[in-house]
């Protein structure tokens, strides 16, 4: 916000940012697939995810009220943080706070393809705020905290607040695209598409990485150990997997791939 709005009462706009991050990897045997899942599960356990989210709350100037985290068996983790814009103020035996409770959540979902030896690590993140805090300011940091091949993002502003002269305000900041909140240097690495419904304050962006360096997608395998035909097949499978995730539908499955 360029300047602080003069409101009648409390800013009760609700701003919700939700996005999915997908990281794709090739593991040539069932054993390596399981090892990859175990590796990624350890890399992004609940402790590390908590550190990422608490850094996020510092960035937006929020106060942590409660943290709940859990690692799952056989894989996956979740973290939920309850936050508030205003600080908790003790007064006698009563705890007072601004009525601007918000939350940040993250969930991980490692899985693998039964035929193409591809493993996918999915991270779902939701940041919901109420009041002046805008979660979009944290978007570039969150994307950079994970290896991201495909990213889908939704931002929605709900409700309204009211100015001192009684006018309803359904949006308290200017936005044309989620892409405006991503570092241009990072954005150039992706193909990006917007689907925005401005009348509903609903913004959607999806991104897919442009270039594939095969070595970065191999788990416990050197690219030079693979014959050229195998490299080409893996590259095709990687790109097809990404295209389907990016498109949100099965495109190649009917071909038996």
C-alpha atoms as a PDB file:
ATOM      1  CA  UNK A   1       0.000   0.000   0.000  1.00  0.00           C
ATOM      2  CA  UNK A   2       1.426   3.342  -1.053  1.00  0.00           C
ATOM      3  CA  UNK A   3      -0.411   5.255   1.686  1.00  0.00           C
ATOM      4  CA  UNK A   4      -2.456   4.195   4.663  1.00  0.00           C
ATOM      5  CA  UNK A   5      -6.202   4.170   4.073  1.00  0.00           C
ATOM      6  CA  UNK A   6      -8.382   6.112   6.464  1.00  0.00           C
ATOM      7  CA  UNK A   7     -10.989   3.630   7.559  1.00  0.00           C
ATOM      8  CA  UNK A   8     -14.060   3.674   9.728  1.00  0.00           C
ATOM      9  CA  UNK A   9     -13.236   0.925  12.194  1.00  0.00           C
ATOM     10  CA  UNK A  10     -11.175  -2.149  11.377  1.00  0.00           C
ATOM     11  CA  UNK A  11      -9.844  -3.307   7.992  1.00  0.00           C
ATOM     12  CA  UNK A  12     -11.673  -6.630   7.707  1.00  0.00           C
ATOM     13  CA  UNK A  13     -10.698  -7.580   4.160  1.00  0.00           C
ATOM     14  CA  UNK A  14      -9.591 -11.206   3.966  1.00  0.00           C
ATOM     15  CA  UNK A  15      -6.686 -11.945   1.616  1.00  0.00           C
ATOM     16  CA  UNK A  16      -5.942 -15.549   0.726  1.00  0.00           C
ATOM     17  CA  UNK A  17      -2.897 -16.755  -1.205  1.00  0.00           C
ATOM     18  CA  UNK A  18      -2.826 -20.443  -2.116  1.00  0.00           C
ATOM     19  CA  UNK A  19      -0.306 -22.162  -4.297  1.00  0.00           C
ATOM     20  CA  UNK A  20       1.106 -25.551  -5.219  1.00  0.00           C
ATOM     21  CA  UNK A  21       4.755 -26.194  -5.996  1.00  0.00           C
ATOM     22  CA  UNK A  22       5.849 -29.323  -7.866  1.00  0.00           C
ATOM     23  CA  UNK A  23       9.370 -30.729  -8.096  1.00  0.00           C
ATOM     24  CA  UNK A  24       9.869 -33.648 -10.517  1.00  0.00           C
ATOM     25  CA  UNK A  25      12.740 -36.161 -10.357  1.00  0.00           C
ATOM     26  CA  UNK A  26      13.826 -39.326 -12.188  1.00  0.00           C
ATOM     27  CA  UNK A  27      14.791 -42.377 -10.099  1.00  0.00           C
ATOM     28  CA  UNK A  28      15.532 -45.408 -12.257  1.00  0.00           C
ATOM     29  CA  UNK A  29      14.619 -48.221  -9.848  1.00  0.00           C
ATOM     30  CA  UNK A  30      11.901 -48.773  -7.237  1.00  0.00           C
ATOM     31  CA  UNK A  31      14.629 -48.703  -4.573  1.00  0.00           C
ATOM     32  CA  UNK A  32      15.875 -45.323  -5.788  1.00  0.00           C
ATOM     33  CA  UNK A  33      12.305 -44.014  -5.889  1.00  0.00           C
ATOM     34  CA  UNK A  34      11.873 -44.962  -2.241  1.00  0.00           C
ATOM     35  CA  UNK A  35      15.268 -43.425  -1.427  1.00  0.00           C
ATOM     36  CA  UNK A  36      14.255 -40.196  -3.175  1.00  0.00           C
ATOM     37  CA  UNK A  37      11.005 -40.021  -1.224  1.00  0.00           C
ATOM     38  CA  UNK A  38      12.937 -40.581   2.015  1.00  0.00           C
ATOM     39  CA  UNK A  39      15.499 -37.944   1.027  1.00  0.00           C
ATOM     40  CA  UNK A  40      12.925 -35.292   0.139  1.00  0.00           C
ATOM     41  CA  UNK A  41      10.928 -36.169   3.236  1.00  0.00           C
ATOM     42  CA  UNK A  42      13.979 -35.431   5.383  1.00  0.00           C
ATOM     43  CA  UNK A  43      14.927 -32.288   3.450  1.00  0.00           C
ATOM     44  CA  UNK A  44      11.486 -30.795   3.961  1.00  0.00           C
ATOM     45  CA  UNK A  45      10.539 -32.147   7.360  1.00  0.00           C
ATOM     46  CA  UNK A  46       8.249 -30.241   9.699  1.00  0.00           C
ATOM     47  CA  UNK A  47      11.170 -28.502  11.429  1.00  0.00           C
ATOM     48  CA  UNK A  48      12.514 -26.971   8.216  1.00  0.00           C
ATOM     49  CA  UNK A  49       9.013 -26.056   7.039  1.00  0.00           C
ATOM     50  CA  UNK A  50       8.416 -24.326  10.382  1.00  0.00           C
ATOM     51  CA  UNK A  51      11.582 -22.270   9.888  1.00  0.00           C
ATOM     52  CA  UNK A  52      10.416 -21.219   6.411  1.00  0.00           C
ATOM     53  CA  UNK A  53       7.010 -20.161   7.674  1.00  0.00           C
ATOM     54  CA  UNK A  54       8.315 -18.305  10.728  1.00  0.00           C
ATOM     55  CA  UNK A  55      10.645 -16.362   8.416  1.00  0.00           C
ATOM     56  CA  UNK A  56       7.570 -15.540   6.366  1.00  0.00           C
ATOM     57  CA  UNK A  57       5.719 -14.168   9.395  1.00  0.00           C
ATOM     58  CA  UNK A  58       8.725 -11.969  10.188  1.00  0.00           C
ATOM     59  CA  UNK A  59       8.668 -10.626   6.622  1.00  0.00           C
ATOM     60  CA  UNK A  60       5.040  -9.503   6.849  1.00  0.00           C
ATOM     61  CA  UNK A  61       5.435  -8.159  10.379  1.00  0.00           C
ATOM     62  CA  UNK A  62       2.995 -10.602  11.945  1.00  0.00           C
ATOM     63  CA  UNK A  63       3.136 -12.116  15.413  1.00  0.00           C
ATOM     64  CA  UNK A  64       3.066 -15.883  15.925  1.00  0.00           C
ATOM     65  CA  UNK A  65       0.296 -16.985  18.273  1.00  0.00           C
ATOM     66  CA  UNK A  66       0.553 -20.748  17.899  1.00  0.00           C
ATOM     67  CA  UNK A  67       2.539 -23.357  15.918  1.00  0.00           C
ATOM     68  CA  UNK A  68       1.330 -26.873  15.175  1.00  0.00           C
ATOM     69  CA  UNK A  69       3.512 -29.268  13.182  1.00  0.00           C
ATOM     70  CA  UNK A  70       3.513 -32.936  12.300  1.00  0.00           C
ATOM     71  CA  UNK A  71       5.655 -35.422  10.350  1.00  0.00           C
ATOM     72  CA  UNK A  72       3.692 -38.312   8.859  1.00  0.00           C
ATOM     73  CA  UNK A  73       4.399 -41.999   8.361  1.00  0.00           C
ATOM     74  CA  UNK A  74       5.325 -43.124   5.747  1.00  0.00           C
ATOM     75  CA  UNK A  75       5.922 -39.626   4.322  1.00  0.00           C
ATOM     76  CA  UNK A  76       4.833 -36.004   4.276  1.00  0.00           C
ATOM     77  CA  UNK A  77       4.657 -33.189   6.795  1.00  0.00           C
ATOM     78  CA  UNK A  78       2.314 -30.365   7.825  1.00  0.00           C
ATOM     79  CA  UNK A  79       2.784 -27.086   9.654  1.00  0.00           C
ATOM     80  CA  UNK A  80       0.085 -24.613  10.709  1.00  0.00           C
ATOM     81  CA  UNK A  81       0.864 -21.231  12.255  1.00  0.00           C
ATOM     82  CA  UNK A  82      -1.767 -18.941  13.735  1.00  0.00           C
ATOM     83  CA  UNK A  83      -0.692 -15.316  13.385  1.00  0.00           C
ATOM     84  CA  UNK A  84      -1.985 -11.845  14.222  1.00  0.00           C
ATOM     85  CA  UNK A  85      -1.083  -8.404  12.918  1.00  0.00           C
ATOM     86  CA  UNK A  86      -1.324  -6.777  16.344  1.00  0.00           C
ATOM     87  CA  UNK A  87       0.719  -7.886  19.331  1.00  0.00           C
ATOM     88  CA  UNK A  88      -0.904  -9.663  22.235  1.00  0.00           C
ATOM     89  CA  UNK A  89      -1.230  -7.259  25.162  1.00  0.00           C
ATOM     90  CA  UNK A  90      -1.662  -8.678  28.682  1.00  0.00           C
ATOM     91  CA  UNK A  91      -4.115  -6.757  30.807  1.00  0.00           C
ATOM     92  CA  UNK A  92      -4.823  -8.341  34.170  1.00  0.00           C
ATOM     93  CA  UNK A  93      -5.962 -11.899  33.620  1.00  0.00           C
ATOM     94  CA  UNK A  94      -7.247 -11.168  30.120  1.00  0.00           C
ATOM     95  CA  UNK A  95      -5.306 -11.377  26.849  1.00  0.00           C
ATOM     96  CA  UNK A  96      -6.306  -8.703  24.345  1.00  0.00           C
ATOM     97  CA  UNK A  97      -5.464  -8.641  20.639  1.00  0.00           C
ATOM     98  CA  UNK A  98      -6.601  -7.084  17.395  1.00  0.00           C
ATOM     99  CA  UNK A  99      -9.347  -9.088  15.706  1.00  0.00           C
ATOM    100  CA  UNK A 100      -7.163  -9.868  12.728  1.00  0.00           C
ATOM    101  CA  UNK A 101      -6.368 -13.536  13.223  1.00  0.00           C
ATOM    102  CA  UNK A 102      -4.740 -15.157  10.221  1.00  0.00           C
ATOM    103  CA  UNK A 103      -2.922 -18.370   9.448  1.00  0.00           C
ATOM    104  CA  UNK A 104      -0.168 -19.918   7.352  1.00  0.00           C
ATOM    105  CA  UNK A 105      -0.176 -23.615   6.459  1.00  0.00           C
ATOM    106  CA  UNK A 106       2.068 -25.931   4.455  1.00  0.00           C
ATOM    107  CA  UNK A 107       1.606 -29.602   3.521  1.00  0.00           C
ATOM    108  CA  UNK A 108       3.934 -31.891   1.548  1.00  0.00           C
ATOM    109  CA  UNK A 109       2.971 -34.815  -0.681  1.00  0.00           C
ATOM    110  CA  UNK A 110       5.814 -36.966  -2.104  1.00  0.00           C
ATOM    111  CA  UNK A 111       4.706 -39.580  -4.665  1.00  0.00           C
ATOM    112  CA  UNK A 112       6.015 -41.435  -7.722  1.00  0.00           C
ATOM    113  CA  UNK A 113       4.819 -42.706 -11.106  1.00  0.00           C
ATOM    114  CA  UNK A 114       4.543 -46.524 -11.336  1.00  0.00           C
ATOM    115  CA  UNK A 115       5.810 -46.767 -14.937  1.00  0.00           C
ATOM    116  CA  UNK A 116       8.039 -43.848 -15.930  1.00  0.00           C
ATOM    117  CA  UNK A 117      10.292 -43.855 -12.811  1.00  0.00           C
ATOM    118  CA  UNK A 118       9.330 -40.248 -12.106  1.00  0.00           C
ATOM    119  CA  UNK A 119       8.851 -39.025  -8.558  1.00  0.00           C
ATOM    120  CA  UNK A 120       6.967 -35.824  -7.759  1.00  0.00           C
ATOM    121  CA  UNK A 121       7.241 -33.736  -4.628  1.00  0.00           C
ATOM    122  CA  UNK A 122       4.260 -31.425  -4.119  1.00  0.00           C
ATOM    123  CA  UNK A 123       4.041 -28.624  -1.587  1.00  0.00           C
ATOM    124  CA  UNK A 124       0.738 -26.884  -0.823  1.00  0.00           C
ATOM    125  CA  UNK A 125       0.973 -23.511   0.928  1.00  0.00           C
ATOM    126  CA  UNK A 126      -1.881 -21.299   2.114  1.00  0.00           C
ATOM    127  CA  UNK A 127      -1.450 -17.840   3.581  1.00  0.00           C
ATOM    128  CA  UNK A 128      -4.643 -16.184   4.814  1.00  0.00           C
ATOM    129  CA  UNK A 129      -4.521 -12.717   6.347  1.00  0.00           C
ATOM    130  CA  UNK A 130      -7.060 -10.230   7.589  1.00  0.00           C
ATOM    131  CA  UNK A 131      -6.399  -6.513   7.798  1.00  0.00           C
ATOM    132  CA  UNK A 132      -3.550  -4.619   6.185  1.00  0.00           C
ATOM    133  CA  UNK A 133      -1.111  -7.529   5.825  1.00  0.00           C
ATOM    134  CA  UNK A 134      -0.769  -8.576   2.172  1.00  0.00           C
ATOM    135  CA  UNK A 135       0.605 -12.137   1.719  1.00  0.00           C
ATOM    136  CA  UNK A 136       1.750 -11.454  -1.850  1.00  0.00           C
ATOM    137  CA  UNK A 137       4.868  -9.759  -0.494  1.00  0.00           C
ATOM    138  CA  UNK A 138       6.125 -13.192   0.630  1.00  0.00           C
ATOM    139  CA  UNK A 139       5.515 -14.980  -2.661  1.00  0.00           C
ATOM    140  CA  UNK A 140       8.979 -14.665  -4.187  1.00  0.00           C
ATOM    141  CA  UNK A 141      10.612 -15.810  -0.930  1.00  0.00           C
ATOM    142  CA  UNK A 142       8.404 -18.899  -0.769  1.00  0.00           C
ATOM    143  CA  UNK A 143       9.053 -19.852  -4.391  1.00  0.00           C
ATOM    144  CA  UNK A 144      12.791 -19.513  -3.797  1.00  0.00           C
ATOM    145  CA  UNK A 145      12.598 -21.743  -0.714  1.00  0.00           C
ATOM    146  CA  UNK A 146      11.722 -24.787  -2.809  1.00  0.00           C
ATOM    147  CA  UNK A 147      12.887 -26.391  -6.059  1.00  0.00           C
ATOM    148  CA  UNK A 148       9.988 -25.463  -8.303  1.00  0.00           C
ATOM    149  CA  UNK A 149       9.318 -26.970 -11.741  1.00  0.00           C
ATOM    150  CA  UNK A 150       5.605 -26.136 -11.862  1.00  0.00           C
ATOM    151  CA  UNK A 151       3.815 -23.549  -9.748  1.00  0.00           C
ATOM    152  CA  UNK A 152       0.090 -22.776  -9.596  1.00  0.00           C
ATOM    153  CA  UNK A 153      -1.094 -19.790  -7.564  1.00  0.00           C
ATOM    154  CA  UNK A 154      -4.413 -18.248  -6.564  1.00  0.00           C
ATOM    155  CA  UNK A 155      -4.960 -14.927  -4.809  1.00  0.00           C
ATOM    156  CA  UNK A 156      -8.388 -13.800  -3.656  1.00  0.00           C
ATOM    157  CA  UNK A 157      -9.565 -10.772  -1.685  1.00  0.00           C
ATOM    158  CA  UNK A 158     -12.920 -11.271   0.051  1.00  0.00           C
ATOM    159  CA  UNK A 159     -15.316  -9.060   1.957  1.00  0.00           C
ATOM    160  CA  UNK A 160     -15.102  -5.307   2.248  1.00  0.00           C
ATOM    161  CA  UNK A 161     -13.955  -2.611   4.605  1.00  0.00           C
ATOM    162  CA  UNK A 162     -15.317   0.914   4.920  1.00  0.00           C
ATOM    163  CA  UNK A 163     -13.737   4.340   4.587  1.00  0.00           C
ATOM    164  CA  UNK A 164     -14.401   7.162   7.070  1.00  0.00           C
ATOM    165  CA  UNK A 165     -17.047   8.604   4.722  1.00  0.00           C
ATOM    166  CA  UNK A 166     -18.905   5.275   4.522  1.00  0.00           C
ATOM    167  CA  UNK A 167     -17.699   4.088   1.121  1.00  0.00           C
ATOM    168  CA  UNK A 168     -17.236   0.316   0.805  1.00  0.00           C
ATOM    169  CA  UNK A 169     -13.722  -0.722  -0.210  1.00  0.00           C
ATOM    170  CA  UNK A 170     -13.468  -4.183  -1.764  1.00  0.00           C
ATOM    171  CA  UNK A 171      -9.713  -3.925  -2.446  1.00  0.00           C
ATOM    172  CA  UNK A 172      -7.156  -1.887  -0.527  1.00  0.00           C
ATOM    173  CA  UNK A 173      -4.175  -2.258  -2.872  1.00  0.00           C
ATOM    174  CA  UNK A 174      -3.480  -2.206  -6.605  1.00  0.00           C
ATOM    175  CA  UNK A 175      -2.940  -5.531  -8.382  1.00  0.00           C
ATOM    176  CA  UNK A 176      -3.091  -6.560 -12.028  1.00  0.00           C
ATOM    177  CA  UNK A 177      -1.236  -9.905 -11.859  1.00  0.00           C
ATOM    178  CA  UNK A 178       0.405 -12.210  -9.335  1.00  0.00           C
ATOM    179  CA  UNK A 179       3.468 -12.102 -11.600  1.00  0.00           C
ATOM    180  CA  UNK A 180       4.102  -8.517 -10.496  1.00  0.00           C
ATOM    181  CA  UNK A 181       5.166  -9.872  -7.090  1.00  0.00           C
ATOM    182  CA  UNK A 182       7.775 -12.308  -8.442  1.00  0.00           C
ATOM    183  CA  UNK A 183      11.379 -11.300  -9.047  1.00  0.00           C
ATOM    184  CA  UNK A 184      11.753 -10.647 -12.829  1.00  0.00           C
ATOM    185  CA  UNK A 185      14.989 -12.657 -12.947  1.00  0.00           C
ATOM    186  CA  UNK A 186      13.228 -15.668 -11.426  1.00  0.00           C
ATOM    187  CA  UNK A 187      10.172 -15.161 -13.621  1.00  0.00           C
ATOM    188  CA  UNK A 188      12.254 -15.352 -16.817  1.00  0.00           C
ATOM    189  CA  UNK A 189      13.009 -19.003 -16.049  1.00  0.00           C
ATOM    190  CA  UNK A 190       9.337 -19.925 -16.458  1.00  0.00           C
ATOM    191  CA  UNK A 191       6.523 -19.857 -18.979  1.00  0.00           C
ATOM    192  CA  UNK A 192       3.679 -18.122 -17.154  1.00  0.00           C
ATOM    193  CA  UNK A 193      -0.054 -17.812 -17.854  1.00  0.00           C
ATOM    194  CA  UNK A 194      -2.630 -15.643 -16.072  1.00  0.00           C
ATOM    195  CA  UNK A 195      -6.356 -16.221 -15.661  1.00  0.00           C
ATOM    196  CA  UNK A 196      -7.725 -13.219 -13.760  1.00  0.00           C
ATOM    197  CA  UNK A 197     -11.304 -12.259 -12.871  1.00  0.00           C
ATOM    198  CA  UNK A 198     -10.902  -8.635 -11.863  1.00  0.00           C
ATOM    199  CA  UNK A 199     -14.582  -8.121 -11.065  1.00  0.00           C
ATOM    200  CA  UNK A 200     -14.314 -10.828  -8.393  1.00  0.00           C
ATOM    201  CA  UNK A 201     -10.846  -9.830  -7.127  1.00  0.00           C
ATOM    202  CA  UNK A 202      -9.655 -13.294  -8.159  1.00  0.00           C
ATOM    203  CA  UNK A 203      -6.178 -13.773  -9.652  1.00  0.00           C
ATOM    204  CA  UNK A 204      -4.675 -17.029 -10.953  1.00  0.00           C
ATOM    205  CA  UNK A 205      -1.184 -17.655 -12.338  1.00  0.00           C
ATOM    206  CA  UNK A 206       0.523 -20.880 -13.352  1.00  0.00           C
ATOM    207  CA  UNK A 207       4.194 -21.309 -14.266  1.00  0.00           C
ATOM    208  CA  UNK A 208       6.326 -24.071 -15.801  1.00  0.00           C
ATOM    209  CA  UNK A 209      10.111 -24.092 -16.008  1.00  0.00           C
ATOM    210  CA  UNK A 210      11.420 -23.447 -19.540  1.00  0.00           C
ATOM    211  CA  UNK A 211      14.762 -25.254 -19.625  1.00  0.00           C
ATOM    212  CA  UNK A 212      15.508 -28.780 -18.373  1.00  0.00           C
ATOM    213  CA  UNK A 213      19.063 -29.655 -17.384  1.00  0.00           C
ATOM    214  CA  UNK A 214      18.711 -33.429 -17.204  1.00  0.00           C
ATOM    215  CA  UNK A 215      21.438 -33.875 -14.570  1.00  0.00           C
ATOM    216  CA  UNK A 216      19.399 -31.795 -12.126  1.00  0.00           C
ATOM    217  CA  UNK A 217      16.539 -34.279 -12.428  1.00  0.00           C
ATOM    218  CA  UNK A 218      18.509 -37.487 -11.926  1.00  0.00           C
ATOM    219  CA  UNK A 219      18.645 -39.057  -8.473  1.00  0.00           C
ATOM    220  CA  UNK A 220      21.834 -41.030  -7.743  1.00  0.00           C
ATOM    221  CA  UNK A 221      22.610 -41.230 -11.488  1.00  0.00           C
ATOM    222  CA  UNK A 222      25.119 -39.383 -13.643  1.00  0.00           C
ATOM    223  CA  UNK A 223      23.765 -38.263 -16.998  1.00  0.00           C
ATOM    224  CA  UNK A 224      26.832 -39.682 -18.791  1.00  0.00           C
ATOM    225  CA  UNK A 225      26.027 -43.156 -17.485  1.00  0.00           C
ATOM    226  CA  UNK A 226      22.921 -43.196 -19.675  1.00  0.00           C
ATOM    227  CA  UNK A 227      22.846 -43.957 -23.422  1.00  0.00           C
ATOM    228  CA  UNK A 228      21.559 -41.102 -25.624  1.00  0.00           C
ATOM    229  CA  UNK A 229      18.296 -42.909 -26.359  1.00  0.00           C
ATOM    230  CA  UNK A 230      17.600 -43.327 -22.638  1.00  0.00           C
ATOM    231  CA  UNK A 231      18.388 -39.653 -21.985  1.00  0.00           C
ATOM    232  CA  UNK A 232      15.923 -38.642 -24.685  1.00  0.00           C
ATOM    233  CA  UNK A 233      13.231 -40.911 -23.268  1.00  0.00           C
ATOM    234  CA  UNK A 234      13.708 -39.496 -19.760  1.00  0.00           C
ATOM    235  CA  UNK A 235      13.613 -35.922 -21.098  1.00  0.00           C
ATOM    236  CA  UNK A 236      10.369 -36.663 -22.960  1.00  0.00           C
ATOM    237  CA  UNK A 237       8.805 -38.226 -19.879  1.00  0.00           C
ATOM    238  CA  UNK A 238       9.868 -35.285 -17.698  1.00  0.00           C
ATOM    239  CA  UNK A 239       8.421 -32.725 -20.086  1.00  0.00           C
ATOM    240  CA  UNK A 240       5.184 -34.665 -20.530  1.00  0.00           C
ATOM    241  CA  UNK A 241       4.770 -34.992 -16.779  1.00  0.00           C
ATOM    242  CA  UNK A 242       5.294 -31.249 -16.356  1.00  0.00           C
ATOM    243  CA  UNK A 243       2.892 -30.365 -19.160  1.00  0.00           C
ATOM    244  CA  UNK A 244       0.136 -32.490 -17.631  1.00  0.00           C
ATOM    245  CA  UNK A 245       0.613 -30.959 -14.185  1.00  0.00           C
ATOM    246  CA  UNK A 246       0.772 -27.457 -15.705  1.00  0.00           C
ATOM    247  CA  UNK A 247      -2.374 -28.098 -17.785  1.00  0.00           C
ATOM    248  CA  UNK A 248      -4.264 -29.790 -14.964  1.00  0.00           C
ATOM    249  CA  UNK A 249      -5.398 -32.726 -17.090  1.00  0.00           C
ATOM    250  CA  UNK A 250      -4.211 -36.038 -18.574  1.00  0.00           C
ATOM    251  CA  UNK A 251      -2.835 -35.418 -22.059  1.00  0.00           C
ATOM    252  CA  UNK A 252      -0.471 -38.332 -22.699  1.00  0.00           C
ATOM    253  CA  UNK A 253      -1.900 -41.018 -20.415  1.00  0.00           C
ATOM    254  CA  UNK A 254      -4.129 -42.366 -23.197  1.00  0.00           C
ATOM    255  CA  UNK A 255      -0.924 -43.248 -25.091  1.00  0.00           C
ATOM    256  CA  UNK A 256       0.157 -45.492 -22.225  1.00  0.00           C
ATOM    257  CA  UNK A 257       2.767 -43.054 -20.945  1.00  0.00           C
END
